Amino acid sequence: MQLCATIIKIKQIQLVVVQVEPEHTWPSTGPAALVHAQLFFPTLPILLLAPRVGGFSRSYATFEIAPLISQINANKIKWQAYRRPPPPELPF
């Protein structure tokens, strides 16, 4: 399982920006995409961001993003591929 994301800092807030398809930014599908991303980044706030289509980009988060979104330029983000680490071996 792989995820394309980056960790950024805006206004003293560190958050994860995850690249998703536009259909994963809808209120009906966004929560499931967030749960998936939380497997990779369990302790950070997560913003789902879709690539620009027709000059507009869609996003989804469970927190207020209006003050932050204007400072995120998806074209300048250095996306990284993240793989979920394997579960630890059991001691027995």
PDB file of N, CA and C in Angstrom:
ATOM      1  N   MET A   1       0.836  -1.172   0.000  1.00  0.00           N
ATOM      2  CA  MET A   1       0.000   0.000   0.000  1.00  0.00           C
ATOM      3  C   MET A   1       0.887   1.244   0.000  1.00  0.00           C
ATOM      4  N   GLN A   2       0.597   2.179  -0.874  1.00  0.00           N
ATOM      5  CA  GLN A   2       1.438   3.365  -1.022  1.00  0.00           C
ATOM      6  C   GLN A   2       0.576   4.619  -1.010  1.00  0.00           C
ATOM      7  N   LEU A   3       1.183   5.708  -0.582  1.00  0.00           N
ATOM      8  CA  LEU A   3       0.500   6.987  -0.495  1.00  0.00           C
ATOM      9  C   LEU A   3       1.449   8.066  -0.994  1.00  0.00           C
ATOM     10  N   CYS A   4       0.932   9.037  -1.748  1.00  0.00           N
ATOM     11  CA  CYS A   4       1.726  10.149  -2.242  1.00  0.00           C
ATOM     12  C   CYS A   4       1.385  11.363  -1.378  1.00  0.00           C
ATOM     13  N   ALA A   5       2.373  11.848  -0.617  1.00  0.00           N
ATOM     14  CA  ALA A   5       2.094  12.904   0.359  1.00  0.00           C
ATOM     15  C   ALA A   5       3.349  13.708   0.657  1.00  0.00           C
ATOM     16  N   THR A   6       3.170  14.734   1.467  1.00  0.00           N
ATOM     17  CA  THR A   6       4.285  15.525   1.981  1.00  0.00           C
ATOM     18  C   THR A   6       3.870  16.128   3.317  1.00  0.00           C
ATOM     19  N   ILE A   7       4.853  16.418   4.137  1.00  0.00           N
ATOM     20  CA  ILE A   7       4.613  17.090   5.417  1.00  0.00           C
ATOM     21  C   ILE A   7       5.073  18.529   5.248  1.00  0.00           C
ATOM     22  N   ILE A   8       4.166  19.467   5.537  1.00  0.00           N
ATOM     23  CA  ILE A   8       4.491  20.888   5.400  1.00  0.00           C
ATOM     24  C   ILE A   8       4.213  21.620   6.708  1.00  0.00           C
ATOM     25  N   LYS A   9       4.746  22.824   6.810  1.00  0.00           N
ATOM     26  CA  LYS A   9       4.511  23.666   7.973  1.00  0.00           C
ATOM     27  C   LYS A   9       4.003  25.012   7.489  1.00  0.00           C
ATOM     28  N   ILE A  10       2.818  25.387   7.961  1.00  0.00           N
ATOM     29  CA  ILE A  10       2.198  26.666   7.610  1.00  0.00           C
ATOM     30  C   ILE A  10       1.716  27.325   8.893  1.00  0.00           C
ATOM     31  N   LYS A  11       2.110  28.569   9.093  1.00  0.00           N
ATOM     32  CA  LYS A  11       1.674  29.332  10.275  1.00  0.00           C
ATOM     33  C   LYS A  11       1.886  28.541  11.569  1.00  0.00           C
ATOM     34  N   GLN A  12       3.065  27.976  11.727  1.00  0.00           N
ATOM     35  CA  GLN A  12       3.432  27.213  12.926  1.00  0.00           C
ATOM     36  C   GLN A  12       2.630  25.915  13.083  1.00  0.00           C
ATOM     37  N   ILE A  13       1.960  25.484  12.036  1.00  0.00           N
ATOM     38  CA  ILE A  13       1.182  24.246  12.074  1.00  0.00           C
ATOM     39  C   ILE A  13       1.812  23.244  11.119  1.00  0.00           C
ATOM     40  N   GLN A  14       2.144  22.083  11.646  1.00  0.00           N
ATOM     41  CA  GLN A  14       2.688  21.021  10.805  1.00  0.00           C
ATOM     42  C   GLN A  14       1.524  20.104  10.418  1.00  0.00           C
ATOM     43  N   LEU A  15       1.395  19.852   9.111  1.00  0.00           N
ATOM     44  CA  LEU A  15       0.324  18.995   8.647  1.00  0.00           C
ATOM     45  C   LEU A  15       0.773  18.182   7.448  1.00  0.00           C
ATOM     46  N   VAL A  16      -0.009  17.164   7.152  1.00  0.00           N
ATOM     47  CA  VAL A  16       0.268  16.286   6.020  1.00  0.00           C
ATOM     48  C   VAL A  16      -0.680  16.660   4.889  1.00  0.00           C
ATOM     49  N   VAL A  17      -0.140  16.801   3.691  1.00  0.00           N
ATOM     50  CA  VAL A  17      -0.950  17.014   2.498  1.00  0.00           C
ATOM     51  C   VAL A  17      -0.837  15.733   1.678  1.00  0.00           C
ATOM     52  N   VAL A  18      -1.982  15.110   1.418  1.00  0.00           N
ATOM     53  CA  VAL A  18      -2.024  13.845   0.687  1.00  0.00           C
ATOM     54  C   VAL A  18      -2.656  14.089  -0.671  1.00  0.00           C
ATOM     55  N   GLN A  19      -1.994  13.620  -1.701  1.00  0.00           N
ATOM     56  CA  GLN A  19      -2.529  13.762  -3.062  1.00  0.00           C
ATOM     57  C   GLN A  19      -3.540  12.646  -3.312  1.00  0.00           C
ATOM     58  N   VAL A  20      -4.768  13.042  -3.688  1.00  0.00           N
ATOM     59  CA  VAL A  20      -5.842  12.084  -3.960  1.00  0.00           C
ATOM     60  C   VAL A  20      -6.542  12.459  -5.255  1.00  0.00           C
ATOM     61  N   GLU A  21      -7.329  11.551  -5.758  1.00  0.00           N
ATOM     62  CA  GLU A  21      -8.168  11.842  -6.915  1.00  0.00           C
ATOM     63  C   GLU A  21      -9.317  12.754  -6.467  1.00  0.00           C
ATOM     64  N   PRO A  22      -9.874  13.580  -7.370  1.00  0.00           N
ATOM     65  CA  PRO A  22     -10.938  14.513  -6.970  1.00  0.00           C
ATOM     66  C   PRO A  22     -12.128  13.860  -6.285  1.00  0.00           C
ATOM     67  N   GLU A  23     -12.470  12.634  -6.676  1.00  0.00           N
ATOM     68  CA  GLU A  23     -13.642  11.985  -6.064  1.00  0.00           C
ATOM     69  C   GLU A  23     -13.425  11.627  -4.589  1.00  0.00           C
ATOM     70  N   HIS A  24     -12.180  11.692  -4.104  1.00  0.00           N
ATOM     71  CA  HIS A  24     -11.911  11.418  -2.689  1.00  0.00           C
ATOM     72  C   HIS A  24     -11.946  12.687  -1.842  1.00  0.00           C
ATOM     73  N   THR A  25     -12.378  13.796  -2.419  1.00  0.00           N
ATOM     74  CA  THR A  25     -12.508  15.041  -1.657  1.00  0.00           C
ATOM     75  C   THR A  25     -13.965  15.369  -1.366  1.00  0.00           C
ATOM     76  N   TRP A  26     -14.866  14.500  -1.734  1.00  0.00           N
ATOM     77  CA  TRP A  26     -16.285  14.713  -1.466  1.00  0.00           C
ATOM     78  C   TRP A  26     -16.604  14.330  -0.016  1.00  0.00           C
ATOM     79  N   PRO A  27     -17.622  14.937   0.571  1.00  0.00           N
ATOM     80  CA  PRO A  27     -17.995  14.585   1.955  1.00  0.00           C
ATOM     81  C   PRO A  27     -18.380  13.118   2.128  1.00  0.00           C
ATOM     82  N   SER A  28     -18.796  12.460   1.065  1.00  0.00           N
ATOM     83  CA  SER A  28     -19.181  11.048   1.180  1.00  0.00           C
ATOM     84  C   SER A  28     -17.985  10.105   1.110  1.00  0.00           C
ATOM     85  N   THR A  29     -16.892  10.506   0.464  1.00  0.00           N
ATOM     86  CA  THR A  29     -15.727   9.629   0.305  1.00  0.00           C
ATOM     87  C   THR A  29     -14.485  10.133   1.046  1.00  0.00           C
ATOM     88  N   GLY A  30     -14.458  11.399   1.406  1.00  0.00           N
ATOM     89  CA  GLY A  30     -13.311  11.978   2.100  1.00  0.00           C
ATOM     90  C   GLY A  30     -12.970  11.298   3.417  1.00  0.00           C
ATOM     91  N   PRO A  31     -13.956  10.993   4.270  1.00  0.00           N
ATOM     92  CA  PRO A  31     -13.618  10.344   5.546  1.00  0.00           C
ATOM     93  C   PRO A  31     -12.890   9.007   5.376  1.00  0.00           C
ATOM     94  N   ALA A  32     -13.272   8.205   4.406  1.00  0.00           N
ATOM     95  CA  ALA A  32     -12.585   6.924   4.190  1.00  0.00           C
ATOM     96  C   ALA A  32     -11.144   7.158   3.724  1.00  0.00           C
ATOM     97  N   ALA A  33     -10.931   8.160   2.884  1.00  0.00           N
ATOM     98  CA  ALA A  33      -9.578   8.479   2.431  1.00  0.00           C
ATOM     99  C   ALA A  33      -8.725   8.995   3.599  1.00  0.00           C
ATOM    100  N   LEU A  34      -9.335   9.743   4.510  1.00  0.00           N
ATOM    101  CA  LEU A  34      -8.611  10.216   5.690  1.00  0.00           C
ATOM    102  C   LEU A  34      -8.204   9.052   6.596  1.00  0.00           C
ATOM    103  N   VAL A  35      -9.100   8.092   6.781  1.00  0.00           N
ATOM    104  CA  VAL A  35      -8.785   6.924   7.606  1.00  0.00           C
ATOM    105  C   VAL A  35      -7.597   6.175   7.011  1.00  0.00           C
ATOM    106  N   HIS A  36      -7.591   6.038   5.704  1.00  0.00           N
ATOM    107  CA  HIS A  36      -6.470   5.378   5.030  1.00  0.00           C
ATOM    108  C   HIS A  36      -5.165   6.151   5.267  1.00  0.00           C
ATOM    109  N   ALA A  37      -5.198   7.466   5.140  1.00  0.00           N
ATOM    110  CA  ALA A  37      -4.004   8.292   5.339  1.00  0.00           C
ATOM    111  C   ALA A  37      -3.539   8.263   6.797  1.00  0.00           C
ATOM    112  N   GLN A  38      -4.464   8.126   7.731  1.00  0.00           N
ATOM    113  CA  GLN A  38      -4.099   8.090   9.148  1.00  0.00           C
ATOM    114  C   GLN A  38      -3.295   6.839   9.503  1.00  0.00           C
ATOM    115  N   LEU A  39      -3.382   5.805   8.687  1.00  0.00           N
ATOM    116  CA  LEU A  39      -2.551   4.622   8.909  1.00  0.00           C
ATOM    117  C   LEU A  39      -1.075   4.967   8.722  1.00  0.00           C
ATOM    118  N   PHE A  40      -0.789   5.936   7.868  1.00  0.00           N
ATOM    119  CA  PHE A  40       0.571   6.366   7.587  1.00  0.00           C
ATOM    120  C   PHE A  40       1.024   7.481   8.525  1.00  0.00           C
ATOM    121  N   PHE A  41       0.102   8.381   8.877  1.00  0.00           N
ATOM    122  CA  PHE A  41       0.414   9.567   9.690  1.00  0.00           C
ATOM    123  C   PHE A  41      -0.596   9.675  10.832  1.00  0.00           C
ATOM    124  N   PRO A  42      -0.474   8.839  11.849  1.00  0.00           N
ATOM    125  CA  PRO A  42      -1.502   8.809  12.892  1.00  0.00           C
ATOM    126  C   PRO A  42      -1.542  10.025  13.817  1.00  0.00           C
ATOM    127  N   THR A  43      -0.470  10.816  13.871  1.00  0.00           N
ATOM    128  CA  THR A  43      -0.421  11.903  14.856  1.00  0.00           C
ATOM    129  C   THR A  43      -0.516  13.302  14.262  1.00  0.00           C
ATOM    130  N   LEU A  44      -0.624  13.417  12.943  1.00  0.00           N
ATOM    131  CA  LEU A  44      -0.646  14.738  12.310  1.00  0.00           C
ATOM    132  C   LEU A  44      -2.000  15.027  11.671  1.00  0.00           C
ATOM    133  N   PRO A  45      -2.401  16.310  11.620  1.00  0.00           N
ATOM    134  CA  PRO A  45      -3.605  16.658  10.863  1.00  0.00           C
ATOM    135  C   PRO A  45      -3.362  16.401   9.378  1.00  0.00           C
ATOM    136  N   ILE A  46      -4.405  15.972   8.679  1.00  0.00           N
ATOM    137  CA  ILE A  46      -4.262  15.577   7.276  1.00  0.00           C
ATOM    138  C   ILE A  46      -5.210  16.377   6.399  1.00  0.00           C
ATOM    139  N   LEU A  47      -4.673  16.862   5.289  1.00  0.00           N
ATOM    140  CA  LEU A  47      -5.440  17.573   4.268  1.00  0.00           C
ATOM    141  C   LEU A  47      -5.360  16.755   2.987  1.00  0.00           C
ATOM    142  N   LEU A  48      -6.500  16.409   2.414  1.00  0.00           N
ATOM    143  CA  LEU A  48      -6.539  15.714   1.131  1.00  0.00           C
ATOM    144  C   LEU A  48      -6.603  16.764   0.036  1.00  0.00           C
ATOM    145  N   LEU A  49      -5.760  16.636  -0.977  1.00  0.00           N
ATOM    146  CA  LEU A  49      -5.694  17.629  -2.043  1.00  0.00           C
ATOM    147  C   LEU A  49      -5.689  16.927  -3.388  1.00  0.00           C
ATOM    148  N   ALA A  50      -6.604  17.307  -4.261  1.00  0.00           N
ATOM    149  CA  ALA A  50      -6.685  16.735  -5.606  1.00  0.00           C
ATOM    150  C   ALA A  50      -5.929  17.617  -6.589  1.00  0.00           C
ATOM    151  N   PRO A  51      -5.408  17.017  -7.670  1.00  0.00           N
ATOM    152  CA  PRO A  51      -4.738  17.822  -8.703  1.00  0.00           C
ATOM    153  C   PRO A  51      -5.714  18.805  -9.341  1.00  0.00           C
ATOM    154  N   ARG A  52      -5.182  19.857  -9.907  1.00  0.00           N
ATOM    155  CA  ARG A  52      -6.016  20.869 -10.557  1.00  0.00           C
ATOM    156  C   ARG A  52      -6.700  20.294 -11.788  1.00  0.00           C
ATOM    157  N   VAL A  53      -7.983  20.565 -11.887  1.00  0.00           N
ATOM    158  CA  VAL A  53      -8.764  20.176 -13.057  1.00  0.00           C
ATOM    159  C   VAL A  53      -9.519  21.421 -13.502  1.00  0.00           C
ATOM    160  N   GLY A  54      -9.252  21.902 -14.696  1.00  0.00           N
ATOM    161  CA  GLY A  54      -9.918  23.105 -15.179  1.00  0.00           C
ATOM    162  C   GLY A  54      -9.571  24.348 -14.380  1.00  0.00           C
ATOM    163  N   GLY A  55      -8.380  24.380 -13.801  1.00  0.00           N
ATOM    164  CA  GLY A  55      -7.954  25.553 -13.043  1.00  0.00           C
ATOM    165  C   GLY A  55      -8.334  25.537 -11.583  1.00  0.00           C
ATOM    166  N   PHE A  56      -9.105  24.533 -11.160  1.00  0.00           N
ATOM    167  CA  PHE A  56      -9.545  24.466  -9.765  1.00  0.00           C
ATOM    168  C   PHE A  56      -9.029  23.189  -9.110  1.00  0.00           C
ATOM    169  N   SER A  57      -8.753  23.280  -7.833  1.00  0.00           N
ATOM    170  CA  SER A  57      -8.313  22.137  -7.064  1.00  0.00           C
ATOM    171  C   SER A  57      -9.311  21.912  -5.934  1.00  0.00           C
ATOM    172  N   ARG A  58      -9.611  20.650  -5.667  1.00  0.00           N
ATOM    173  CA  ARG A  58     -10.523  20.313  -4.577  1.00  0.00           C
ATOM    174  C   ARG A  58      -9.719  19.815  -3.392  1.00  0.00           C
ATOM    175  N   SER A  59     -10.237  20.057  -2.189  1.00  0.00           N
ATOM    176  CA  SER A  59      -9.555  19.597  -0.986  1.00  0.00           C
ATOM    177  C   SER A  59     -10.583  19.156   0.043  1.00  0.00           C
ATOM    178  N   TYR A  60     -10.110  18.408   1.033  1.00  0.00           N
ATOM    179  CA  TYR A  60     -10.988  17.923   2.100  1.00  0.00           C
ATOM    180  C   TYR A  60     -10.158  17.745   3.365  1.00  0.00           C
ATOM    181  N   ALA A  61     -10.723  18.165   4.491  1.00  0.00           N
ATOM    182  CA  ALA A  61     -10.097  17.979   5.804  1.00  0.00           C
ATOM    183  C   ALA A  61     -11.190  18.052   6.861  1.00  0.00           C
ATOM    184  N   THR A  62     -10.873  17.604   8.055  1.00  0.00           N
ATOM    185  CA  THR A  62     -11.843  17.680   9.146  1.00  0.00           C
ATOM    186  C   THR A  62     -11.629  18.925  10.000  1.00  0.00           C
ATOM    187  N   PHE A  63     -10.743  19.808   9.573  1.00  0.00           N
ATOM    188  CA  PHE A  63     -10.491  21.066  10.280  1.00  0.00           C
ATOM    189  C   PHE A  63     -10.666  22.211   9.288  1.00  0.00           C
ATOM    190  N   GLU A  64     -10.732  23.423   9.799  1.00  0.00           N
ATOM    191  CA  GLU A  64     -10.942  24.612   8.972  1.00  0.00           C
ATOM    192  C   GLU A  64      -9.690  24.885   8.143  1.00  0.00           C
ATOM    193  N   ILE A  65      -9.821  24.788   6.824  1.00  0.00           N
ATOM    194  CA  ILE A  65      -8.658  24.945   5.957  1.00  0.00           C
ATOM    195  C   ILE A  65      -8.622  26.289   5.231  1.00  0.00           C
ATOM    196  N   ALA A  66      -9.663  27.078   5.340  1.00  0.00           N
ATOM    197  CA  ALA A  66      -9.725  28.351   4.617  1.00  0.00           C
ATOM    198  C   ALA A  66      -8.501  29.241   4.874  1.00  0.00           C
ATOM    199  N   PRO A  67      -8.018  29.380   6.128  1.00  0.00           N
ATOM    200  CA  PRO A  67      -6.847  30.245   6.345  1.00  0.00           C
ATOM    201  C   PRO A  67      -5.539  29.644   5.810  1.00  0.00           C
ATOM    202  N   LEU A  68      -5.522  28.343   5.539  1.00  0.00           N
ATOM    203  CA  LEU A  68      -4.291  27.669   5.127  1.00  0.00           C
ATOM    204  C   LEU A  68      -4.204  27.404   3.632  1.00  0.00           C
ATOM    205  N   ILE A  69      -5.332  27.131   3.009  1.00  0.00           N
ATOM    206  CA  ILE A  69      -5.327  26.627   1.634  1.00  0.00           C
ATOM    207  C   ILE A  69      -4.709  27.614   0.648  1.00  0.00           C
ATOM    208  N   SER A  70      -4.826  28.889   0.897  1.00  0.00           N
ATOM    209  CA  SER A  70      -4.251  29.868  -0.029  1.00  0.00           C
ATOM    210  C   SER A  70      -2.724  29.846  -0.020  1.00  0.00           C
ATOM    211  N   GLN A  71      -2.130  29.245   1.009  1.00  0.00           N
ATOM    212  CA  GLN A  71      -0.678  29.184   1.108  1.00  0.00           C
ATOM    213  C   GLN A  71      -0.098  27.855   0.621  1.00  0.00           C
ATOM    214  N   ILE A  72      -0.955  26.983   0.096  1.00  0.00           N
ATOM    215  CA  ILE A  72      -0.496  25.693  -0.413  1.00  0.00           C
ATOM    216  C   ILE A  72      -0.548  25.730  -1.929  1.00  0.00           C
ATOM    217  N   ASN A  73       0.596  25.571  -2.557  1.00  0.00           N
ATOM    218  CA  ASN A  73       0.685  25.534  -4.009  1.00  0.00           C
ATOM    219  C   ASN A  73       1.051  24.108  -4.408  1.00  0.00           C
ATOM    220  N   ALA A  74       0.077  23.368  -4.917  1.00  0.00           N
ATOM    221  CA  ALA A  74       0.285  21.959  -5.257  1.00  0.00           C
ATOM    222  C   ALA A  74       1.357  21.780  -6.328  1.00  0.00           C
ATOM    223  N   ASN A  75       1.560  22.786  -7.164  1.00  0.00           N
ATOM    224  CA  ASN A  75       2.573  22.682  -8.214  1.00  0.00           C
ATOM    225  C   ASN A  75       3.996  22.744  -7.664  1.00  0.00           C
ATOM    226  N   LYS A  76       4.169  23.278  -6.467  1.00  0.00           N
ATOM    227  CA  LYS A  76       5.501  23.410  -5.880  1.00  0.00           C
ATOM    228  C   LYS A  76       5.786  22.358  -4.803  1.00  0.00           C
ATOM    229  N   ILE A  77       4.823  21.511  -4.518  1.00  0.00           N
ATOM    230  CA  ILE A  77       5.016  20.478  -3.498  1.00  0.00           C
ATOM    231  C   ILE A  77       5.915  19.379  -4.052  1.00  0.00           C
ATOM    232  N   LYS A  78       6.868  18.965  -3.257  1.00  0.00           N
ATOM    233  CA  LYS A  78       7.716  17.829  -3.609  1.00  0.00           C
ATOM    234  C   LYS A  78       7.073  16.581  -3.012  1.00  0.00           C
ATOM    235  N   TRP A  79       6.246  15.932  -3.816  1.00  0.00           N
ATOM    236  CA  TRP A  79       5.515  14.756  -3.355  1.00  0.00           C
ATOM    237  C   TRP A  79       6.477  13.601  -3.105  1.00  0.00           C
ATOM    238  N   GLN A  80       6.180  12.834  -2.079  1.00  0.00           N
ATOM    239  CA  GLN A  80       6.977  11.660  -1.749  1.00  0.00           C
ATOM    240  C   GLN A  80       6.052  10.452  -1.661  1.00  0.00           C
ATOM    241  N   ALA A  81       6.558   9.313  -2.048  1.00  0.00           N
ATOM    242  CA  ALA A  81       5.807   8.073  -1.910  1.00  0.00           C
ATOM    243  C   ALA A  81       6.077   7.503  -0.524  1.00  0.00           C
ATOM    244  N   TYR A  82       5.023   7.220   0.203  1.00  0.00           N
ATOM    245  CA  TYR A  82       5.136   6.637   1.535  1.00  0.00           C
ATOM    246  C   TYR A  82       4.559   5.235   1.500  1.00  0.00           C
ATOM    247  N   ARG A  83       5.267   4.320   2.112  1.00  0.00           N
ATOM    248  CA  ARG A  83       4.778   2.961   2.276  1.00  0.00           C
ATOM    249  C   ARG A  83       4.554   2.720   3.755  1.00  0.00           C
ATOM    250  N   ARG A  84       3.471   2.050   4.056  1.00  0.00           N
ATOM    251  CA  ARG A  84       3.167   1.739   5.442  1.00  0.00           C
ATOM    252  C   ARG A  84       4.171   0.704   5.946  1.00  0.00           C
ATOM    253  N   PRO A  85       4.780   0.933   7.119  1.00  0.00           N
ATOM    254  CA  PRO A  85       5.752  -0.032   7.621  1.00  0.00           C
ATOM    255  C   PRO A  85       5.072  -1.357   7.966  1.00  0.00           C
ATOM    256  N   PRO A  86       5.807  -2.451   7.841  1.00  0.00           N
ATOM    257  CA  PRO A  86       5.209  -3.744   8.191  1.00  0.00           C
ATOM    258  C   PRO A  86       4.946  -3.808   9.693  1.00  0.00           C
ATOM    259  N   PRO A  87       3.980  -4.622  10.094  1.00  0.00           N
ATOM    260  CA  PRO A  87       3.706  -4.729  11.538  1.00  0.00           C
ATOM    261  C   PRO A  87       4.901  -5.343  12.262  1.00  0.00           C
ATOM    262  N   PRO A  88       5.126  -4.966  13.504  1.00  0.00           N
ATOM    263  CA  PRO A  88       6.276  -5.520  14.233  1.00  0.00           C
ATOM    264  C   PRO A  88       6.085  -7.015  14.476  1.00  0.00           C
ATOM    265  N   GLU A  89       7.205  -7.698  14.584  1.00  0.00           N
ATOM    266  CA  GLU A  89       7.127  -9.135  14.866  1.00  0.00           C
ATOM    267  C   GLU A  89       6.689  -9.343  16.295  1.00  0.00           C
ATOM    268  N   LEU A  90       5.917 -10.372  16.517  1.00  0.00           N
ATOM    269  CA  LEU A  90       5.477 -10.698  17.872  1.00  0.00           C
ATOM    270  C   LEU A  90       6.631 -11.351  18.637  1.00  0.00           C
ATOM    271  N   PRO A  91       6.740 -11.094  19.929  1.00  0.00           N
ATOM    272  CA  PRO A  91       7.890 -11.599  20.702  1.00  0.00           C
ATOM    273  C   PRO A  91       7.830 -13.106  21.000  1.00  0.00           C
ATOM    274  N   PHE A  92       6.767 -13.772  20.632  1.00  0.00           N
ATOM    275  CA  PHE A  92       6.676 -15.209  20.925  1.00  0.00           C
ATOM    276  C   PHE A  92       6.554 -16.031  19.682  1.00  0.00           C
TER     277      PHE A  92
END
